[in-house]
C-alpha atoms as a PDB file:
ATOM      1  CA  MET A   1     -42.714 -30.262  14.296  1.00  0.00           C
ATOM      2  CA  LYS A   2     -43.445 -34.066  16.782  1.00  0.00           C
ATOM      3  CA  ILE A   3     -45.702 -33.209  19.622  1.00  0.00           C
ATOM      4  CA  SER A   4     -46.461 -36.561  21.939  1.00  0.00           C
ATOM      5  CA  PHE A   5     -49.158 -36.307  24.205  1.00  0.00           C
ATOM      6  CA  ILE A   6     -49.309 -38.370  26.997  1.00  0.00           C
ATOM      7  CA  GLY A   7     -52.497 -38.830  28.995  1.00  0.00           C
ATOM      8  CA  CYS A   8     -55.480 -38.400  27.008  1.00  0.00           C
ATOM      9  CA  GLY A   9     -57.912 -37.628  29.275  1.00  0.00           C
ATOM     10  CA  LYS A  10     -60.259 -34.090  29.330  1.00  0.00           C
ATOM     11  CA  VAL A  11     -57.269 -31.931  29.638  1.00  0.00           C
ATOM     12  CA  GLY A  12     -54.767 -33.704  27.776  1.00  0.00           C
ATOM     13  CA  ALA A  13     -57.319 -34.342  24.365  1.00  0.00           C
ATOM     14  CA  ALA A  14     -58.193 -30.677  24.522  1.00  0.00           C
ATOM     15  CA  VAL A  15     -54.706 -29.310  23.974  1.00  0.00           C
ATOM     16  CA  ALA A  16     -53.792 -32.273  21.621  1.00  0.00           C
ATOM     17  CA  TYR A  17     -56.964 -30.906  19.789  1.00  0.00           C
ATOM     18  CA  THR A  18     -56.046 -27.201  20.284  1.00  0.00           C
ATOM     19  CA  ALA A  19     -52.558 -27.647  19.351  1.00  0.00           C
ATOM     20  CA  SER A  20     -53.939 -29.347  16.194  1.00  0.00           C
ATOM     21  CA  SER A  21     -56.407 -26.469  15.101  1.00  0.00           C
ATOM     22  CA  MET A  22     -53.387 -23.847  15.490  1.00  0.00           C
ATOM     23  CA  GLY A  23     -50.860 -25.781  13.098  1.00  0.00           C
ATOM     24  CA  LEU A  24     -48.091 -26.433  16.112  1.00  0.00           C
ATOM     25  CA  ALA A  25     -47.143 -29.456  14.696  1.00  0.00           C
ATOM     26  CA  ASP A  26     -46.328 -31.624  11.627  1.00  0.00           C
ATOM     27  CA  GLU A  27     -47.207 -34.613  13.434  1.00  0.00           C
ATOM     28  CA  ILE A  28     -49.159 -35.668  17.036  1.00  0.00           C
ATOM     29  CA  VAL A  29     -49.117 -39.014  18.526  1.00  0.00           C
ATOM     30  CA  MET A  30     -51.593 -39.514  21.128  1.00  0.00           C
ATOM     31  CA  VAL A  31     -50.769 -42.220  23.921  1.00  0.00           C
ATOM     32  CA  ASP A  32     -52.422 -43.070  26.758  1.00  0.00           C
ATOM     33  CA  ALA A  33     -52.665 -46.278  29.618  1.00  0.00           C
ATOM     34  CA  SER A  34     -55.911 -46.983  27.693  1.00  0.00           C
ATOM     35  CA  ALA A  35     -54.889 -47.517  24.173  1.00  0.00           C
ATOM     36  CA  GLU A  36     -58.630 -47.174  23.324  1.00  0.00           C
ATOM     37  CA  LYS A  37     -59.487 -43.982  24.517  1.00  0.00           C
ATOM     38  CA  ALA A  38     -55.918 -42.703  22.667  1.00  0.00           C
ATOM     39  CA  LYS A  39     -57.052 -44.311  19.544  1.00  0.00           C
ATOM     40  CA  GLY A  40     -60.497 -42.761  19.922  1.00  0.00           C
ATOM     41  CA  GLU A  41     -59.152 -38.892  20.541  1.00  0.00           C
ATOM     42  CA  ALA A  42     -56.622 -39.065  17.719  1.00  0.00           C
ATOM     43  CA  LEU A  43     -59.565 -40.509  15.420  1.00  0.00           C
ATOM     44  CA  ASP A  44     -61.698 -37.366  16.770  1.00  0.00           C
ATOM     45  CA  ILE A  45     -59.085 -35.007  15.877  1.00  0.00           C
ATOM     46  CA  LEU A  46     -57.898 -36.791  12.329  1.00  0.00           C
ATOM     47  CA  GLN A  47     -61.356 -35.880  11.436  1.00  0.00           C
ATOM     48  CA  CYS A  48     -61.147 -32.467  11.984  1.00  0.00           C
ATOM     49  CA  GLN A  49     -58.263 -32.199   9.216  1.00  0.00           C
ATOM     50  CA  ALA A  50     -60.541 -30.866   6.795  1.00  0.00           C
ATOM     51  CA  PHE A  51     -60.877 -27.327   8.819  1.00  0.00           C
ATOM     52  CA  PHE A  52     -57.261 -27.466  10.464  1.00  0.00           C
ATOM     53  CA  PRO A  53     -53.432 -27.392   9.066  1.00  0.00           C
ATOM     54  CA  ARG A  54     -52.567 -30.596   8.051  1.00  0.00           C
ATOM     55  CA  SER A  55     -50.767 -32.686  10.225  1.00  0.00           C
ATOM     56  CA  VAL A  56     -50.100 -36.394  10.660  1.00  0.00           C
ATOM     57  CA  ILE A  57     -51.943 -37.797  13.782  1.00  0.00           C
ATOM     58  CA  SER A  58     -51.745 -41.340  15.199  1.00  0.00           C
ATOM     59  CA  ALA A  59     -52.164 -42.696  18.457  1.00  0.00           C
ATOM     60  CA  GLY A  60     -50.250 -45.930  20.202  1.00  0.00           C
ATOM     61  CA  LEU A  61     -47.412 -46.965  23.074  1.00  0.00           C
ATOM     62  CA  ILE A  62     -45.217 -45.009  24.049  1.00  0.00           C
ATOM     63  CA  GLU A  63     -42.331 -46.282  22.196  1.00  0.00           C
ATOM     64  CA  GLN A  64     -43.982 -44.242  18.989  1.00  0.00           C
ATOM     65  CA  THR A  65     -43.280 -40.692  20.480  1.00  0.00           C
ATOM     66  CA  ALA A  66     -39.558 -41.405  19.840  1.00  0.00           C
ATOM     67  CA  GLY A  67     -37.866 -38.637  18.478  1.00  0.00           C
ATOM     68  CA  SER A  68     -40.227 -35.827  19.948  1.00  0.00           C
ATOM     69  CA  ASP A  69     -39.394 -32.681  19.796  1.00  0.00           C
ATOM     70  CA  ILE A  70     -42.108 -31.630  22.673  1.00  0.00           C
ATOM     71  CA  ILE A  71     -43.751 -34.349  25.086  1.00  0.00           C
ATOM     72  CA  VAL A  72     -46.583 -32.972  27.369  1.00  0.00           C
ATOM     73  CA  ILE A  73     -47.540 -34.826  30.038  1.00  0.00           C
ATOM     74  CA  SER A  74     -50.984 -34.555  31.514  1.00  0.00           C
ATOM     75  CA  ALA A  75     -51.056 -38.158  32.704  1.00  0.00           C
ATOM     76  CA  GLY A  76     -52.565 -38.557  35.993  1.00  0.00           C
ATOM     77  CA  ILE A  77     -55.459 -38.993  38.521  1.00  0.00           C
ATOM     78  CA  PRO A  78     -57.713 -35.214  38.899  1.00  0.00           C
ATOM     79  CA  ARG A  79     -58.377 -33.843  41.761  1.00  0.00           C
ATOM     80  CA  LYS A  80     -61.794 -32.998  43.448  1.00  0.00           C
ATOM     81  CA  ALA A  81     -63.521 -29.897  43.476  1.00  0.00           C
ATOM     82  CA  ASP A  82     -62.542 -29.888  47.441  1.00  0.00           C
ATOM     83  CA  GLU A  83     -59.132 -31.374  47.342  1.00  0.00           C
ATOM     84  CA  PRO A  84     -55.730 -29.412  47.252  1.00  0.00           C
ATOM     85  CA  ARG A  85     -53.938 -30.094  44.300  1.00  0.00           C
ATOM     86  CA  VAL A  86     -50.882 -31.560  46.533  1.00  0.00           C
ATOM     87  CA  MET A  87     -52.615 -34.303  47.832  1.00  0.00           C
ATOM     88  CA  LEU A  88     -52.271 -35.603  44.485  1.00  0.00           C
ATOM     89  CA  LEU A  89     -48.645 -36.124  44.812  1.00  0.00           C
ATOM     90  CA  SER A  90     -48.431 -39.877  46.088  1.00  0.00           C
ATOM     91  CA  ARG A  91     -51.163 -41.154  43.519  1.00  0.00           C
ATOM     92  CA  ASN A  92     -49.388 -39.395  40.894  1.00  0.00           C
ATOM     93  CA  ALA A  93     -45.620 -39.218  41.690  1.00  0.00           C
ATOM     94  CA  ALA A  94     -44.320 -42.976  40.710  1.00  0.00           C
ATOM     95  CA  LEU A  95     -46.786 -42.708  37.847  1.00  0.00           C
ATOM     96  CA  ILE A  96     -45.088 -39.316  36.459  1.00  0.00           C
ATOM     97  CA  ALA A  97     -41.587 -40.898  36.767  1.00  0.00           C
ATOM     98  CA  GLY A  98     -41.952 -43.514  34.992  1.00  0.00           C
ATOM     99  CA  LEU A  99     -43.013 -42.228  32.284  1.00  0.00           C
ATOM    100  CA  VAL A 100     -40.527 -38.996  31.945  1.00  0.00           C
ATOM    101  CA  LYS A 101     -37.861 -41.902  32.341  1.00  0.00           C
ATOM    102  CA  GLN A 102     -39.183 -43.756  29.409  1.00  0.00           C
ATOM    103  CA  ALA A 103     -40.134 -40.657  27.341  1.00  0.00           C
ATOM    104  CA  THR A 104     -36.791 -38.543  27.661  1.00  0.00           C
ATOM    105  CA  LEU A 105     -34.856 -42.242  26.880  1.00  0.00           C
ATOM    106  CA  LEU A 106     -36.774 -42.397  23.392  1.00  0.00           C
ATOM    107  CA  SER A 107     -36.453 -38.285  22.898  1.00  0.00           C
ATOM    108  CA  PRO A 108     -33.109 -37.117  24.477  1.00  0.00           C
ATOM    109  CA  ASP A 109     -33.390 -33.738  23.098  1.00  0.00           C
ATOM    110  CA  CYS A 110     -37.309 -33.005  23.601  1.00  0.00           C
ATOM    111  CA  ILE A 111     -38.523 -29.785  25.794  1.00  0.00           C
ATOM    112  CA  LEU A 112     -40.701 -31.812  28.563  1.00  0.00           C
ATOM    113  CA  PHE A 113     -44.064 -29.877  28.902  1.00  0.00           C
ATOM    114  CA  MET A 114     -45.795 -30.687  32.403  1.00  0.00           C
ATOM    115  CA  VAL A 115     -49.743 -30.137  32.592  1.00  0.00           C
ATOM    116  CA  THR A 116     -49.528 -33.169  35.464  1.00  0.00           C
ATOM    117  CA  ASN A 117     -50.983 -31.854  38.766  1.00  0.00           C
ATOM    118  CA  PRO A 118     -49.633 -30.943  41.417  1.00  0.00           C
ATOM    119  CA  LEU A 119     -48.011 -29.255  38.558  1.00  0.00           C
ATOM    120  CA  ASP A 120     -45.114 -27.115  40.308  1.00  0.00           C
ATOM    121  CA  VAL A 121     -44.262 -30.707  42.367  1.00  0.00           C
ATOM    122  CA  MET A 122     -44.662 -33.107  39.309  1.00  0.00           C
ATOM    123  CA  THR A 123     -42.317 -30.258  37.445  1.00  0.00           C
ATOM    124  CA  GLN A 124     -39.193 -30.845  39.746  1.00  0.00           C
ATOM    125  CA  LEU A 125     -39.946 -34.412  39.613  1.00  0.00           C
ATOM    126  CA  ALA A 126     -39.768 -34.413  35.880  1.00  0.00           C
ATOM    127  CA  TYR A 127     -36.247 -32.281  36.094  1.00  0.00           C
ATOM    128  CA  GLN A 128     -35.006 -34.606  38.237  1.00  0.00           C
ATOM    129  CA  VAL A 129     -35.387 -38.037  37.078  1.00  0.00           C
ATOM    130  CA  SER A 130     -34.923 -36.623  33.462  1.00  0.00           C
ATOM    131  CA  GLY A 131     -31.506 -35.458  33.145  1.00  0.00           C
ATOM    132  CA  LEU A 132     -32.627 -32.740  31.187  1.00  0.00           C
ATOM    133  CA  PRO A 133     -31.643 -28.864  31.553  1.00  0.00           C
ATOM    134  CA  ALA A 134     -34.005 -27.277  33.793  1.00  0.00           C
ATOM    135  CA  SER A 135     -34.820 -25.024  30.613  1.00  0.00           C
ATOM    136  CA  ARG A 136     -36.009 -28.072  28.950  1.00  0.00           C
ATOM    137  CA  VAL A 137     -38.510 -29.212  31.396  1.00  0.00           C
ATOM    138  CA  ILE A 138     -41.308 -26.667  31.802  1.00  0.00           C
ATOM    139  CA  GLY A 139     -44.669 -26.524  33.972  1.00  0.00           C
ATOM    140  CA  MET A 140     -47.574 -24.955  32.611  1.00  0.00           C
ATOM    141  CA  GLY A 141     -47.730 -23.308  36.087  1.00  0.00           C
ATOM    142  CA  THR A 142     -49.509 -19.964  36.597  1.00  0.00           C
ATOM    143  CA  VAL A 143     -49.967 -19.479  32.967  1.00  0.00           C
ATOM    144  CA  LEU A 144     -53.733 -20.656  33.488  1.00  0.00           C
ATOM    145  CA  ASP A 145     -53.857 -18.440  37.033  1.00  0.00           C
ATOM    146  CA  THR A 146     -52.670 -15.546  35.176  1.00  0.00           C
ATOM    147  CA  PHE A 147     -54.682 -15.558  32.163  1.00  0.00           C
ATOM    148  CA  ARG A 148     -57.928 -16.288  34.783  1.00  0.00           C
ATOM    149  CA  TYR A 149     -57.002 -13.353  36.807  1.00  0.00           C
ATOM    150  CA  ARG A 150     -56.242 -10.940  33.359  1.00  0.00           C
ATOM    151  CA  SER A 151     -59.801 -12.149  32.228  1.00  0.00           C
ATOM    152  CA  TYR A 152     -61.628 -11.279  35.841  1.00  0.00           C
ATOM    153  CA  LEU A 153     -59.473  -8.418  35.352  1.00  0.00           C
ATOM    154  CA  ALA A 154     -61.029  -7.191  32.189  1.00  0.00           C
ATOM    155  CA  ALA A 155     -64.824  -8.165  33.571  1.00  0.00           C
ATOM    156  CA  ALA A 156     -64.483  -5.894  36.737  1.00  0.00           C
ATOM    157  CA  PHE A 157     -63.021  -3.065  35.093  1.00  0.00           C
ATOM    158  CA  GLY A 158     -64.462  -2.998  31.853  1.00  0.00           C
ATOM    159  CA  CYS A 159     -61.468  -4.271  29.349  1.00  0.00           C
ATOM    160  CA  ASP A 160     -60.005  -6.355  26.707  1.00  0.00           C
ATOM    161  CA  ALA A 161     -58.501  -9.222  28.906  1.00  0.00           C
ATOM    162  CA  ARG A 162     -55.872  -9.053  25.492  1.00  0.00           C
ATOM    163  CA  ASP A 163     -54.916  -5.772  26.704  1.00  0.00           C
ATOM    164  CA  MET A 164     -54.210  -6.371  30.327  1.00  0.00           C
ATOM    165  CA  ASP A 165     -50.792  -6.909  31.732  1.00  0.00           C
ATOM    166  CA  ALA A 166     -51.126  -8.902  35.205  1.00  0.00           C
ATOM    167  CA  TYR A 167     -49.099 -11.947  36.272  1.00  0.00           C
ATOM    168  CA  VAL A 168     -50.221 -14.621  38.890  1.00  0.00           C
ATOM    169  CA  VAL A 169     -46.665 -16.559  40.243  1.00  0.00           C
ATOM    170  CA  GLY A 170     -45.818 -18.667  42.618  1.00  0.00           C
ATOM    171  CA  GLU A 171     -47.504 -22.192  43.132  1.00  0.00           C
ATOM    172  CA  HIS A 172     -50.160 -23.191  40.512  1.00  0.00           C
ATOM    173  CA  GLY A 173     -52.077 -23.774  43.738  1.00  0.00           C
ATOM    174  CA  GLU A 174     -53.542 -22.270  46.812  1.00  0.00           C
ATOM    175  CA  THR A 175     -50.346 -20.188  47.658  1.00  0.00           C
ATOM    176  CA  MET A 176     -50.645 -18.528  43.930  1.00  0.00           C
ATOM    177  CA  VAL A 177     -49.805 -14.988  44.135  1.00  0.00           C
ATOM    178  CA  PRO A 178     -51.649 -12.217  42.175  1.00  0.00           C
ATOM    179  CA  LEU A 179     -49.660  -9.626  41.637  1.00  0.00           C
ATOM    180  CA  THR A 180     -51.237  -6.105  42.066  1.00  0.00           C
ATOM    181  CA  GLY A 181     -49.212  -3.160  42.053  1.00  0.00           C
ATOM    182  CA  SER A 182     -47.644  -3.412  38.543  1.00  0.00           C
ATOM    183  CA  ILE A 183     -51.058  -4.278  36.704  1.00  0.00           C
ATOM    184  CA  HIS A 184     -51.180  -2.057  33.514  1.00  0.00           C
ATOM    185  CA  VAL A 185     -54.329  -2.125  30.691  1.00  0.00           C
ATOM    186  CA  LYS A 186     -51.732  -0.918  27.344  1.00  0.00           C
ATOM    187  CA  GLY A 187     -49.424   0.693  29.278  1.00  0.00           C
ATOM    188  CA  VAL A 188     -51.838   2.688  31.501  1.00  0.00           C
ATOM    189  CA  PRO A 189     -51.906   1.481  35.182  1.00  0.00           C
ATOM    190  CA  ILE A 190     -54.951  -0.113  36.694  1.00  0.00           C
ATOM    191  CA  GLN A 191     -55.380   2.546  38.960  1.00  0.00           C
ATOM    192  CA  ALA A 192     -56.032   5.380  36.178  1.00  0.00           C
ATOM    193  CA  LEU A 193     -58.979   3.635  34.993  1.00  0.00           C
ATOM    194  CA  PRO A 194     -62.236   5.203  35.293  1.00  0.00           C
ATOM    195  CA  THR A 195     -63.877   2.182  37.057  1.00  0.00           C
ATOM    196  CA  TYR A 196     -61.365   1.239  38.607  1.00  0.00           C
ATOM    197  CA  SER A 197     -62.285   0.135  42.719  1.00  0.00           C
ATOM    198  CA  GLU A 198     -59.538  -1.527  44.976  1.00  0.00           C
ATOM    199  CA  THR A 199     -62.546  -3.745  46.245  1.00  0.00           C
ATOM    200  CA  LYS A 200     -63.300  -5.126  43.129  1.00  0.00           C
ATOM    201  CA  LEU A 201     -59.086  -5.494  42.577  1.00  0.00           C
ATOM    202  CA  GLN A 202     -58.935  -7.423  45.715  1.00  0.00           C
ATOM    203  CA  GLN A 203     -62.213  -9.529  44.542  1.00  0.00           C
ATOM    204  CA  ALA A 204     -60.270 -10.615  41.194  1.00  0.00           C
ATOM    205  CA  CYS A 205     -57.554 -11.931  43.289  1.00  0.00           C
ATOM    206  CA  GLN A 206     -59.979 -14.113  45.594  1.00  0.00           C
ATOM    207  CA  ASP A 207     -61.629 -15.047  42.217  1.00  0.00           C
ATOM    208  CA  VAL A 208     -58.750 -16.360  40.695  1.00  0.00           C
ATOM    209  CA  ILE A 209     -57.560 -18.559  43.546  1.00  0.00           C
ATOM    210  CA  ALA A 210     -60.660 -20.157  43.826  1.00  0.00           C
ATOM    211  CA  ALA A 211     -61.244 -20.089  39.788  1.00  0.00           C
ATOM    212  CA  SER A 212     -60.216 -23.856  39.333  1.00  0.00           C
ATOM    213  CA  GLY A 213     -62.349 -25.664  42.083  1.00  0.00           C
ATOM    214  CA  GLN A 214     -65.634 -23.376  41.294  1.00  0.00           C
ATOM    215  CA  VAL A 215     -65.306 -25.081  37.512  1.00  0.00           C
ATOM    216  CA  ILE A 216     -64.444 -29.006  39.041  1.00  0.00           C
ATOM    217  CA  ALA A 217     -67.460 -28.236  41.697  1.00  0.00           C
ATOM    218  CA  LEU A 218     -69.817 -27.372  38.455  1.00  0.00           C
ATOM    219  CA  LYS A 219     -68.884 -29.544  35.698  1.00  0.00           C
ATOM    220  CA  GLY A 220     -66.602 -32.017  37.286  1.00  0.00           C
ATOM    221  CA  GLY A 221     -63.258 -30.697  35.501  1.00  0.00           C
ATOM    222  CA  THR A 222     -61.285 -27.663  33.883  1.00  0.00           C
ATOM    223  CA  VAL A 223     -60.835 -27.984  29.807  1.00  0.00           C
ATOM    224  CA  PHE A 224     -61.001 -25.217  28.166  1.00  0.00           C
ATOM    225  CA  ALA A 225     -59.028 -22.321  29.728  1.00  0.00           C
ATOM    226  CA  PRO A 226     -56.002 -25.287  30.690  1.00  0.00           C
ATOM    227  CA  ALA A 227     -55.920 -26.733  26.778  1.00  0.00           C
ATOM    228  CA  ALA A 228     -55.915 -22.562  25.899  1.00  0.00           C
ATOM    229  CA  ALA A 229     -52.769 -22.027  28.159  1.00  0.00           C
ATOM    230  CA  ALA A 230     -51.298 -25.247  27.854  1.00  0.00           C
ATOM    231  CA  CYS A 231     -51.163 -24.051  23.878  1.00  0.00           C
ATOM    232  CA  ALA A 232     -50.127 -20.330  24.452  1.00  0.00           C
ATOM    233  CA  VAL A 233     -47.091 -22.074  25.838  1.00  0.00           C
ATOM    234  CA  LEU A 234     -46.403 -24.504  22.943  1.00  0.00           C
ATOM    235  CA  GLU A 235     -47.304 -21.960  20.494  1.00  0.00           C
ATOM    236  CA  ALA A 236     -44.610 -19.643  22.127  1.00  0.00           C
ATOM    237  CA  ILE A 237     -41.536 -22.645  21.948  1.00  0.00           C
ATOM    238  CA  VAL A 238     -42.824 -23.965  18.360  1.00  0.00           C
ATOM    239  CA  ARG A 239     -42.686 -20.736  16.603  1.00  0.00           C
ATOM    240  CA  ASN A 240     -39.843 -19.217  18.662  1.00  0.00           C
ATOM    241  CA  GLN A 241     -41.864 -16.244  19.864  1.00  0.00           C
ATOM    242  CA  ARG A 242     -39.936 -15.324  23.122  1.00  0.00           C
ATOM    243  CA  ARG A 243     -42.644 -14.757  24.971  1.00  0.00           C
ATOM    244  CA  ILE A 244     -42.938 -13.932  28.185  1.00  0.00           C
ATOM    245  CA  LEU A 245     -44.523 -16.319  30.432  1.00  0.00           C
ATOM    246  CA  PRO A 246     -45.061 -17.664  34.047  1.00  0.00           C
ATOM    247  CA  VAL A 247     -44.247 -20.985  33.213  1.00  0.00           C
ATOM    248  CA  SER A 248     -43.146 -23.275  36.406  1.00  0.00           C
ATOM    249  CA  THR A 249     -39.528 -23.972  36.164  1.00  0.00           C
ATOM    250  CA  PHE A 250     -36.889 -25.493  38.741  1.00  0.00           C
ATOM    251  CA  GLN A 251     -35.041 -22.487  40.788  1.00  0.00           C
ATOM    252  CA  PRO A 252     -32.182 -23.450  42.202  1.00  0.00           C
ATOM    253  CA  GLU A 253     -31.892 -20.462  44.225  1.00  0.00           C
ATOM    254  CA  LEU A 254     -35.321 -21.502  45.772  1.00  0.00           C
ATOM    255  CA  GLY A 255     -34.317 -25.051  46.093  1.00  0.00           C
ATOM    256  CA  VAL A 256     -38.050 -25.372  43.992  1.00  0.00           C
ATOM    257  CA  ALA A 257     -39.773 -25.395  40.907  1.00  0.00           C
ATOM    258  CA  LEU A 258     -42.271 -22.304  40.821  1.00  0.00           C
ATOM    259  CA  SER A 259     -43.339 -19.842  38.354  1.00  0.00           C
ATOM    260  CA  LEU A 260     -41.994 -16.673  37.692  1.00  0.00           C
ATOM    261  CA  PRO A 261     -42.597 -14.355  34.280  1.00  0.00           C
ATOM    262  CA  THR A 262     -40.176 -16.734  32.173  1.00  0.00           C
ATOM    263  CA  ILE A 263     -39.032 -15.849  28.083  1.00  0.00           C
ATOM    264  CA  VAL A 264     -40.438 -18.771  26.415  1.00  0.00           C
ATOM    265  CA  GLY A 265     -38.792 -19.927  22.817  1.00  0.00           C
ATOM    266  CA  ARG A 266     -37.850 -22.652  20.788  1.00  0.00           C
ATOM    267  CA  ASP A 267     -35.152 -23.411  23.674  1.00  0.00           C
ATOM    268  CA  GLY A 268     -37.569 -23.732  25.967  1.00  0.00           C
ATOM    269  CA  ALA A 269     -37.152 -21.514  29.008  1.00  0.00           C
ATOM    270  CA  CYS A 270     -34.850 -19.057  28.230  1.00  0.00           C
ATOM    271  CA  GLY A 271     -34.698 -16.773  31.437  1.00  0.00           C
ATOM    272  CA  VAL A 272     -36.190 -15.481  34.521  1.00  0.00           C
ATOM    273  CA  LEU A 273     -38.133 -12.159  34.235  1.00  0.00           C
ATOM    274  CA  THR A 274     -37.848  -9.879  38.023  1.00  0.00           C
ATOM    275  CA  ALA A 275     -41.704  -9.063  38.233  1.00  0.00           C
ATOM    276  CA  PRO A 276     -41.907  -5.849  40.426  1.00  0.00           C
ATOM    277  CA  MET A 277     -43.374  -7.099  43.415  1.00  0.00           C
ATOM    278  CA  THR A 278     -44.371  -5.222  47.319  1.00  0.00           C
ATOM    279  CA  GLU A 279     -42.713  -6.468  50.000  1.00  0.00           C
ATOM    280  CA  ALA A 280     -45.974  -7.855  51.207  1.00  0.00           C
ATOM    281  CA  GLU A 281     -45.870  -9.733  47.712  1.00  0.00           C
ATOM    282  CA  LYS A 282     -42.615 -11.018  48.430  1.00  0.00           C
ATOM    283  CA  GLU A 283     -43.273 -12.412  51.429  1.00  0.00           C
ATOM    284  CA  LEU A 284     -46.059 -14.138  49.647  1.00  0.00           C
ATOM    285  CA  LEU A 285     -43.972 -15.609  47.035  1.00  0.00           C
ATOM    286  CA  SER A 286     -41.550 -16.906  50.363  1.00  0.00           C
ATOM    287  CA  LYS A 287     -44.373 -18.673  51.700  1.00  0.00           C
ATOM    288  CA  SER A 288     -45.434 -20.272  48.391  1.00  0.00           C
ATOM    289  CA  ALA A 289     -41.491 -21.647  47.766  1.00  0.00           C
ATOM    290  CA  ALA A 290     -42.176 -22.933  51.097  1.00  0.00           C
ATOM    291  CA  ASN A 291     -45.445 -24.750  50.753  1.00  0.00           C
ATOM    292  CA  ILE A 292     -43.583 -25.963  47.282  1.00  0.00           C
ATOM    293  CA  LYS A 293     -40.536 -27.086  49.069  1.00  0.00           C
ATOM    294  CA  THR A 294     -42.713 -29.305  51.923  1.00  0.00           C
ATOM    295  CA  PHE A 295     -44.299 -31.483  48.996  1.00  0.00           C
ATOM    296  CA  ALA A 296     -41.377 -31.521  46.974  1.00  0.00           C
ATOM    297  CA  ASP A 297     -39.144 -32.815  49.964  1.00  0.00           C
ATOM    298  CA  GLU A 298     -41.841 -35.854  50.847  1.00  0.00           C
ATOM    299  CA  LEU A 299     -41.319 -36.255  46.701  1.00  0.00           C
ATOM    300  CA  GLN A 300     -38.437 -37.847  47.865  1.00  0.00           C
ATOM    301  CA  THR A 301     -39.941 -40.617  50.127  1.00  0.00           C
ATOM    302  CA  LEU A 302     -41.990 -41.749  46.645  1.00  0.00           C
ATOM    303  CA  ILE A 303     -39.671 -42.226  44.160  1.00  0.00           C
END
């Protein structure tokens, strides 16, 4: 299993490090606009090999990604705390389009895994320019938001976040939709918990939407949670777990890439599932799709 990481900033390096620690790849290639940065991150991970499962780790130009099974793209300009993710569109569109074309030419059988923001629009861009089927162009989507949501819910109600079954769908951005009507804890409806309160639930919804901006304001960027979320998707692919994760993929009926619960395995996105939603949540999802479409249409003028 060869995984190449294009973009060795804080998030890209953290994803590569976490993937190495989990033994997800036999070979890891690090690529960055700064060759020195890529080499430094590769050496740092290489020096952990006495603790991790064995893998061959190197850094170089994009040509060294040839024959990759998975290509992770996190290159781009990070957002500021008070800046919507979609503001990054004009800055990142041309860069990502060029990288995707080069990467897929070198690895035509790869799965593209997009981490660059604005994530859903970048996933749609990658789908359009790569020529790959939608099942092999996957954005991290609301996997990160879903895990944050479960963590907030668990803290609020005194549960183990790993037992929490709850989803965020739609845009990985300000119009994301935390689903509230189908939350379970090990099969038990959350409303049955003795600690349940509607106020706590609504606060968790607000917290998850604000989560990224809060961390960026406090420490300059989100790193650990995105790396953990990204590697949950990578592990599902590498180990063919067929895990249900709300990754972002192009949805033809909506005309945009957005996140819905999806079976993820060795072939990529293996099927989108219908999540139980209230009428209000369906309306919010439609608004989320419309918001993404606004920027996806703008994208066509930039590439």
